[in-house]
């Protein structure tokens, strides 16, 4: 029973993080559209080769690296701390999109 409870708590935490991320991105899109920011949003560097796409951008003192592996349909997010890259998050893209679709129509998660 404790395994089921901890898995449920973990999925709730991931769901909460995704909702907060979506709300933040939505607020930034609205702020950008309203002209609150003078600069244009842009990636510092993008690259794509052999089914792997990468993008970096500045975010305060960090420079995250987003990697999409087309073969495994996985998103990897790395953070750079001046000396090395560290894996910050790893997500299955089909699962992320399935969860987002379910949330958009208000149906429960599978």
Protein backbone atom coordinates (compact mmCIF):
# COMPACT_ATOMS: atom_id res chain seq x y z
CA UNK A 1 0.00 0.00 0.00
CA UNK A 2 2.85 2.41 0.78
CA UNK A 3 4.29 1.89 -2.73
CA UNK A 4 0.93 2.91 -4.24
CA UNK A 5 0.71 5.97 -2.00
CA UNK A 6 4.24 7.17 -2.78
CA UNK A 7 3.67 6.68 -6.53
CA UNK A 8 0.44 8.65 -6.26
CA UNK A 9 2.17 11.42 -4.31
CA UNK A 10 5.01 11.48 -6.86
CA UNK A 11 2.59 11.79 -9.80
CA UNK A 12 0.73 14.58 -7.97
CA UNK A 13 4.04 16.43 -7.53
CA UNK A 14 4.90 16.03 -11.21
CA UNK A 15 1.40 17.19 -12.16
CA UNK A 16 1.72 20.23 -9.93
CA UNK A 17 5.10 21.09 -11.43
CA UNK A 18 3.69 20.78 -14.95
CA UNK A 19 0.73 23.02 -14.09
CA UNK A 20 3.03 25.64 -12.58
CA UNK A 21 5.29 25.48 -15.63
CA UNK A 22 2.33 25.87 -17.98
CA UNK A 23 0.99 28.82 -15.99
CA UNK A 24 4.41 30.49 -16.01
CA UNK A 25 4.83 29.99 -19.75
CA UNK A 26 1.30 31.29 -20.36
CA UNK A 27 1.97 34.40 -18.26
CA UNK A 28 5.23 35.03 -20.14
CA UNK A 29 3.46 34.68 -23.50
CA UNK A 30 0.79 37.17 -22.45
CA UNK A 31 3.40 39.59 -21.09
CA UNK A 32 5.43 39.32 -24.31
CA UNK A 33 2.33 39.83 -26.45
CA UNK A 34 1.37 42.90 -24.41
CA UNK A 35 4.81 44.40 -25.03
CA UNK A 36 6.10 44.26 -21.45
CA UNK A 37 9.48 43.02 -22.67
CA UNK A 38 11.58 45.09 -25.05
CA UNK A 39 13.65 42.21 -26.39
CA UNK A 40 12.52 39.35 -28.56
CA UNK A 41 12.61 35.80 -27.24
CA UNK A 42 15.23 33.77 -29.05
CA UNK A 43 17.36 30.72 -28.59
CA UNK A 44 21.06 31.41 -28.26
CA UNK A 45 21.93 28.35 -30.30
CA UNK A 46 20.04 25.52 -31.96
CA UNK A 47 21.33 22.42 -33.68
CA UNK A 48 19.81 19.29 -35.16
CA UNK A 49 21.53 16.18 -36.44
CA UNK A 50 20.80 12.45 -36.69
CA UNK A 51 17.48 12.65 -34.85
CA UNK A 52 18.73 14.79 -31.98
CA UNK A 53 17.74 18.46 -31.61
CA UNK A 54 19.38 20.81 -29.11
CA UNK A 55 18.69 24.35 -27.97
CA UNK A 56 20.31 26.62 -25.42
CA UNK A 57 19.02 29.86 -23.96
CA UNK A 58 19.97 32.17 -21.14
CA UNK A 59 17.96 32.14 -17.94
CA UNK A 60 19.50 34.37 -15.32
CA UNK A 61 22.86 32.94 -14.31
CA UNK A 62 22.18 29.53 -15.84
CA UNK A 63 22.17 28.41 -19.45
CA UNK A 64 19.83 25.41 -19.83
CA UNK A 65 20.37 22.94 -22.65
CA UNK A 66 17.24 21.28 -24.05
CA UNK A 67 17.79 18.04 -25.97
CA UNK A 68 15.07 16.14 -27.85
CA UNK A 69 15.96 12.61 -28.94
CA UNK A 70 13.60 11.67 -31.79
CA UNK A 71 14.45 7.97 -31.59
CA UNK A 72 13.41 7.57 -27.94
CA UNK A 73 10.96 10.51 -27.99
CA UNK A 74 12.57 11.90 -24.86
CA UNK A 75 13.22 15.46 -23.70
CA UNK A 76 16.34 15.99 -21.60
CA UNK A 77 16.97 19.28 -19.79
CA UNK A 78 20.50 19.96 -18.59
CA UNK A 79 21.72 22.90 -16.52
CA UNK A 80 25.18 24.37 -16.79
CA UNK A 81 26.90 25.66 -13.67
CA UNK A 82 30.07 27.22 -15.12
CA UNK A 83 32.05 23.97 -14.88
CA UNK A 84 29.82 21.13 -16.05
CA UNK A 85 26.42 20.09 -17.40
CA UNK A 86 24.07 18.27 -15.03
CA UNK A 87 20.88 16.41 -15.98
CA UNK A 88 18.05 18.47 -14.50
CA UNK A 89 14.98 16.73 -15.95
CA UNK A 90 14.05 13.88 -18.27
CA UNK A 91 10.56 13.46 -19.74
CA UNK A 92 8.87 11.10 -22.17
CA UNK A 93 7.32 13.33 -24.85
CA UNK A 94 4.33 11.04 -25.59
CA UNK A 95 3.49 10.97 -21.86
CA UNK A 96 3.80 14.76 -21.56
CA UNK A 97 1.50 15.34 -24.55
CA UNK A 98 -1.01 12.71 -23.39
CA UNK A 99 -1.17 14.31 -19.95
CA UNK A 100 -1.50 17.79 -21.45
CA UNK A 101 -4.38 16.65 -23.71
CA UNK A 102 -6.13 14.99 -20.76
CA UNK A 103 -5.79 18.13 -18.65
CA UNK A 104 -7.04 20.39 -21.44
CA UNK A 105 -10.36 18.55 -21.64
CA UNK A 106 -10.59 17.92 -17.90
CA UNK A 107 -10.42 14.14 -18.03
CA UNK A 108 -8.50 12.21 -15.37
CA UNK A 109 -4.96 11.04 -16.00
CA UNK A 110 -4.52 7.41 -17.10
